Amino acid sequence: VLMLPVFMFWFFLQITGKTVFKKGMAFTNVLVIFGILKTIASLMPISSFRLGFTNGLMSESMIIWFALVFLEIGLGNR
C-alpha cells in the first residue's frame, strides 16, 4: 500500500515527460505489468504453480520493470 503512491507519481512524471525516459515508457510501470501478470494468473488453472506465481507477482513485476528500464537505457545510448 505504501508503494502505490510512489508508482502512481512515477507514472505521472513519465507520462508528462518530466524524466529522461520517453513518454511511452510510462506504460512499463510496475502497476501496469502487475495488472497484466494478474490477468495471466487468473487464466491459469488452480494449481500450486498458480499459487506461487500469484504470491510473487510484485517481485516478478519489479524484475520485468528493471529489465525493461535496463534495456531502454542500454539501447537508448546507441
N, C-alpha and C. Protein backbone atom coordinates (compact mmCIF):
# COMPACT_ATOMS: atom_id res chain seq x y z
N VAL A 1 0.83 -1.18 0.00
CA VAL A 1 0.00 0.00 0.00
C VAL A 1 0.87 1.25 0.00
N LEU A 2 1.99 1.21 0.70
CA LEU A 2 2.86 2.38 0.77
C LEU A 2 3.58 2.65 -0.55
N MET A 3 3.74 1.63 -1.37
CA MET A 3 4.42 1.80 -2.64
C MET A 3 3.49 2.33 -3.73
N LEU A 4 2.19 2.20 -3.55
CA LEU A 4 1.23 2.61 -4.57
C LEU A 4 1.35 4.09 -4.95
N PRO A 5 1.39 5.04 -4.01
CA PRO A 5 1.54 6.45 -4.40
C PRO A 5 2.84 6.72 -5.16
N VAL A 6 3.90 6.04 -4.80
CA VAL A 6 5.19 6.23 -5.47
C VAL A 6 5.10 5.80 -6.94
N PHE A 7 4.51 4.64 -7.19
CA PHE A 7 4.38 4.16 -8.57
C PHE A 7 3.42 5.03 -9.37
N MET A 8 2.38 5.54 -8.75
CA MET A 8 1.45 6.43 -9.44
C MET A 8 2.13 7.76 -9.78
N PHE A 9 2.92 8.27 -8.86
CA PHE A 9 3.65 9.52 -9.12
C PHE A 9 4.70 9.32 -10.21
N TRP A 10 5.38 8.18 -10.20
CA TRP A 10 6.36 7.87 -11.24
C TRP A 10 5.68 7.79 -12.60
N PHE A 11 4.48 7.19 -12.64
CA PHE A 11 3.72 7.14 -13.89
C PHE A 11 3.38 8.55 -14.36
N PHE A 12 2.94 9.41 -13.44
CA PHE A 12 2.62 10.79 -13.79
C PHE A 12 3.84 11.53 -14.33
N LEU A 13 4.98 11.37 -13.69
CA LEU A 13 6.20 12.03 -14.17
C LEU A 13 6.58 11.56 -15.56
N GLN A 14 6.46 10.27 -15.81
CA GLN A 14 6.82 9.75 -17.12
C GLN A 14 5.84 10.16 -18.20
N ILE A 15 4.56 10.14 -17.93
CA ILE A 15 3.56 10.45 -18.94
C ILE A 15 3.60 11.94 -19.30
N THR A 16 4.06 12.78 -18.37
CA THR A 16 4.17 14.21 -18.66
C THR A 16 5.54 14.57 -19.24
N GLY A 17 6.43 13.59 -19.37
CA GLY A 17 7.73 13.84 -19.99
C GLY A 17 8.73 14.51 -19.09
N LYS A 18 8.60 14.37 -17.79
CA LYS A 18 9.50 15.02 -16.84
C LYS A 18 10.63 14.10 -16.38
N THR A 19 10.89 13.05 -17.13
CA THR A 19 12.00 12.16 -16.82
C THR A 19 12.86 12.02 -18.08
N VAL A 20 13.97 11.33 -17.95
CA VAL A 20 14.85 11.12 -19.10
C VAL A 20 14.29 10.06 -20.05
N PHE A 21 13.25 9.35 -19.63
CA PHE A 21 12.66 8.31 -20.45
C PHE A 21 11.62 8.89 -21.40
N LYS A 22 11.34 8.15 -22.47
CA LYS A 22 10.29 8.54 -23.40
C LYS A 22 8.94 8.39 -22.71
N LYS A 23 7.95 9.14 -23.18
CA LYS A 23 6.62 9.09 -22.56
C LYS A 23 6.01 7.69 -22.63
N GLY A 24 6.31 6.96 -23.68
CA GLY A 24 5.78 5.60 -23.83
C GLY A 24 6.25 4.65 -22.75
N MET A 25 7.38 4.97 -22.13
CA MET A 25 7.90 4.11 -21.06
C MET A 25 7.01 4.15 -19.82
N ALA A 26 6.09 5.11 -19.76
CA ALA A 26 5.18 5.18 -18.61
C ALA A 26 4.32 3.93 -18.54
N PHE A 27 4.06 3.31 -19.68
CA PHE A 27 3.22 2.11 -19.69
C PHE A 27 3.99 0.85 -19.35
N THR A 28 5.26 1.00 -19.02
CA THR A 28 6.02 -0.12 -18.47
C THR A 28 6.06 -0.01 -16.95
N ASN A 29 5.18 0.77 -16.39
CA ASN A 29 5.10 0.96 -14.95
C ASN A 29 4.86 -0.38 -14.27
N VAL A 30 5.36 -0.50 -13.06
CA VAL A 30 5.22 -1.74 -12.29
C VAL A 30 3.75 -2.11 -12.13
N LEU A 31 2.89 -1.12 -11.92
CA LEU A 31 1.47 -1.41 -11.73
C LEU A 31 0.82 -1.95 -13.00
N VAL A 32 1.24 -1.47 -14.15
CA VAL A 32 0.71 -1.97 -15.42
C VAL A 32 1.15 -3.42 -15.62
N ILE A 33 2.43 -3.67 -15.38
CA ILE A 33 2.96 -5.04 -15.51
C ILE A 33 2.28 -5.97 -14.52
N PHE A 34 2.05 -5.48 -13.29
CA PHE A 34 1.36 -6.26 -12.27
C PHE A 34 -0.05 -6.63 -12.76
N GLY A 35 -0.76 -5.67 -13.34
CA GLY A 35 -2.10 -5.94 -13.85
C GLY A 35 -2.11 -6.99 -14.95
N ILE A 36 -1.13 -6.92 -15.83
CA ILE A 36 -1.02 -7.91 -16.91
C ILE A 36 -0.75 -9.29 -16.35
N LEU A 37 0.19 -9.37 -15.40
CA LEU A 37 0.50 -10.66 -14.79
C LEU A 37 -0.66 -11.20 -13.97
N LYS A 38 -1.40 -10.31 -13.31
CA LYS A 38 -2.57 -10.74 -12.53
C LYS A 38 -3.64 -11.34 -13.45
N THR A 39 -3.80 -10.73 -14.64
CA THR A 39 -4.74 -11.26 -15.62
C THR A 39 -4.30 -12.64 -16.09
N ILE A 40 -3.00 -12.79 -16.35
CA ILE A 40 -2.47 -14.09 -16.76
C ILE A 40 -2.69 -15.13 -15.65
N ALA A 41 -2.47 -14.72 -14.40
CA ALA A 41 -2.65 -15.65 -13.28
C ALA A 41 -4.11 -16.08 -13.15
N SER A 42 -5.03 -15.17 -13.44
CA SER A 42 -6.45 -15.54 -13.32
C SER A 42 -6.88 -16.52 -14.40
N LEU A 43 -6.13 -16.60 -15.49
CA LEU A 43 -6.44 -17.53 -16.56
C LEU A 43 -5.84 -18.92 -16.35
N MET A 44 -4.94 -19.03 -15.39
CA MET A 44 -4.27 -20.31 -15.12
C MET A 44 -5.21 -21.25 -14.35
N PRO A 45 -5.06 -22.54 -14.57
CA PRO A 45 -5.85 -23.49 -13.76
C PRO A 45 -5.36 -23.46 -12.31
N ILE A 46 -6.25 -23.77 -11.40
CA ILE A 46 -5.89 -23.77 -9.99
C ILE A 46 -4.88 -24.88 -9.73
N SER A 47 -3.69 -24.47 -9.29
CA SER A 47 -2.61 -25.42 -9.03
C SER A 47 -1.61 -24.77 -8.08
N SER A 48 -0.63 -25.54 -7.68
CA SER A 48 0.40 -24.99 -6.80
C SER A 48 1.26 -23.97 -7.54
N PHE A 49 1.44 -24.14 -8.85
CA PHE A 49 2.20 -23.16 -9.63
C PHE A 49 1.48 -21.81 -9.63
N ARG A 50 0.15 -21.84 -9.81
CA ARG A 50 -0.62 -20.59 -9.80
C ARG A 50 -0.50 -19.89 -8.46
N LEU A 51 -0.54 -20.63 -7.38
CA LEU A 51 -0.41 -20.06 -6.04
C LEU A 51 0.94 -19.38 -5.88
N GLY A 52 2.01 -20.06 -6.30
CA GLY A 52 3.34 -19.47 -6.21
C GLY A 52 3.50 -18.27 -7.12
N PHE A 53 2.94 -18.36 -8.32
CA PHE A 53 3.00 -17.25 -9.27
C PHE A 53 2.27 -16.04 -8.72
N THR A 54 1.11 -16.26 -8.12
CA THR A 54 0.32 -15.17 -7.55
C THR A 54 1.04 -14.54 -6.35
N ASN A 55 1.67 -15.35 -5.53
CA ASN A 55 2.36 -14.83 -4.35
C ASN A 55 3.57 -13.96 -4.73
N GLY A 56 4.17 -14.22 -5.88
CA GLY A 56 5.35 -13.46 -6.28
C GLY A 56 5.09 -12.40 -7.33
N LEU A 57 3.82 -12.01 -7.54
CA LEU A 57 3.50 -11.09 -8.62
C LEU A 57 4.24 -9.76 -8.54
N MET A 58 4.34 -9.17 -7.36
CA MET A 58 5.01 -7.87 -7.26
C MET A 58 6.50 -8.01 -7.53
N SER A 59 7.11 -9.06 -7.05
CA SER A 59 8.54 -9.29 -7.31
C SER A 59 8.78 -9.54 -8.79
N GLU A 60 7.92 -10.33 -9.39
CA GLU A 60 8.06 -10.61 -10.82
C GLU A 60 7.85 -9.33 -11.64
N SER A 61 6.91 -8.50 -11.23
CA SER A 61 6.67 -7.24 -11.92
C SER A 61 7.88 -6.32 -11.83
N MET A 62 8.50 -6.27 -10.66
CA MET A 62 9.69 -5.43 -10.47
C MET A 62 10.86 -5.92 -11.31
N ILE A 63 11.05 -7.23 -11.39
CA ILE A 63 12.15 -7.77 -12.20
C ILE A 63 11.95 -7.43 -13.67
N ILE A 64 10.72 -7.60 -14.15
CA ILE A 64 10.43 -7.26 -15.55
C ILE A 64 10.63 -5.77 -15.78
N TRP A 65 10.18 -4.93 -14.85
CA TRP A 65 10.34 -3.49 -14.99
C TRP A 65 11.82 -3.09 -15.00
N PHE A 66 12.61 -3.64 -14.10
CA PHE A 66 14.05 -3.34 -14.08
C PHE A 66 14.71 -3.76 -15.38
N ALA A 67 14.32 -4.91 -15.92
CA ALA A 67 14.88 -5.37 -17.20
C ALA A 67 14.51 -4.40 -18.33
N LEU A 68 13.26 -3.94 -18.36
CA LEU A 68 12.84 -3.00 -19.39
C LEU A 68 13.57 -1.67 -19.29
N VAL A 69 13.75 -1.18 -18.07
CA VAL A 69 14.50 0.06 -17.87
C VAL A 69 15.95 -0.12 -18.27
N PHE A 70 16.52 -1.25 -17.91
CA PHE A 70 17.91 -1.54 -18.28
C PHE A 70 18.07 -1.57 -19.80
N LEU A 71 17.13 -2.21 -20.49
CA LEU A 71 17.19 -2.27 -21.95
C LEU A 71 16.99 -0.89 -22.57
N GLU A 72 16.10 -0.10 -22.02
CA GLU A 72 15.84 1.25 -22.54
C GLU A 72 17.08 2.13 -22.38
N ILE A 73 17.72 2.06 -21.24
CA ILE A 73 18.93 2.87 -21.02
C ILE A 73 20.05 2.37 -21.91
N GLY A 74 20.22 1.06 -22.00
CA GLY A 74 21.28 0.48 -22.80
C GLY A 74 21.11 0.72 -24.29
N LEU A 75 19.88 0.59 -24.77
CA LEU A 75 19.64 0.77 -26.20
C LEU A 75 19.49 2.25 -26.57
N GLY A 76 19.15 3.07 -25.59
CA GLY A 76 18.98 4.49 -25.86
C GLY A 76 20.30 5.23 -26.10
N ASN A 77 21.40 4.66 -25.63
CA ASN A 77 22.70 5.31 -25.77
C ASN A 77 23.36 5.01 -27.10
N ARG A 78 22.76 4.17 -27.92
CA ARG A 78 23.37 3.80 -29.21
C ARG A 78 23.06 4.79 -30.28
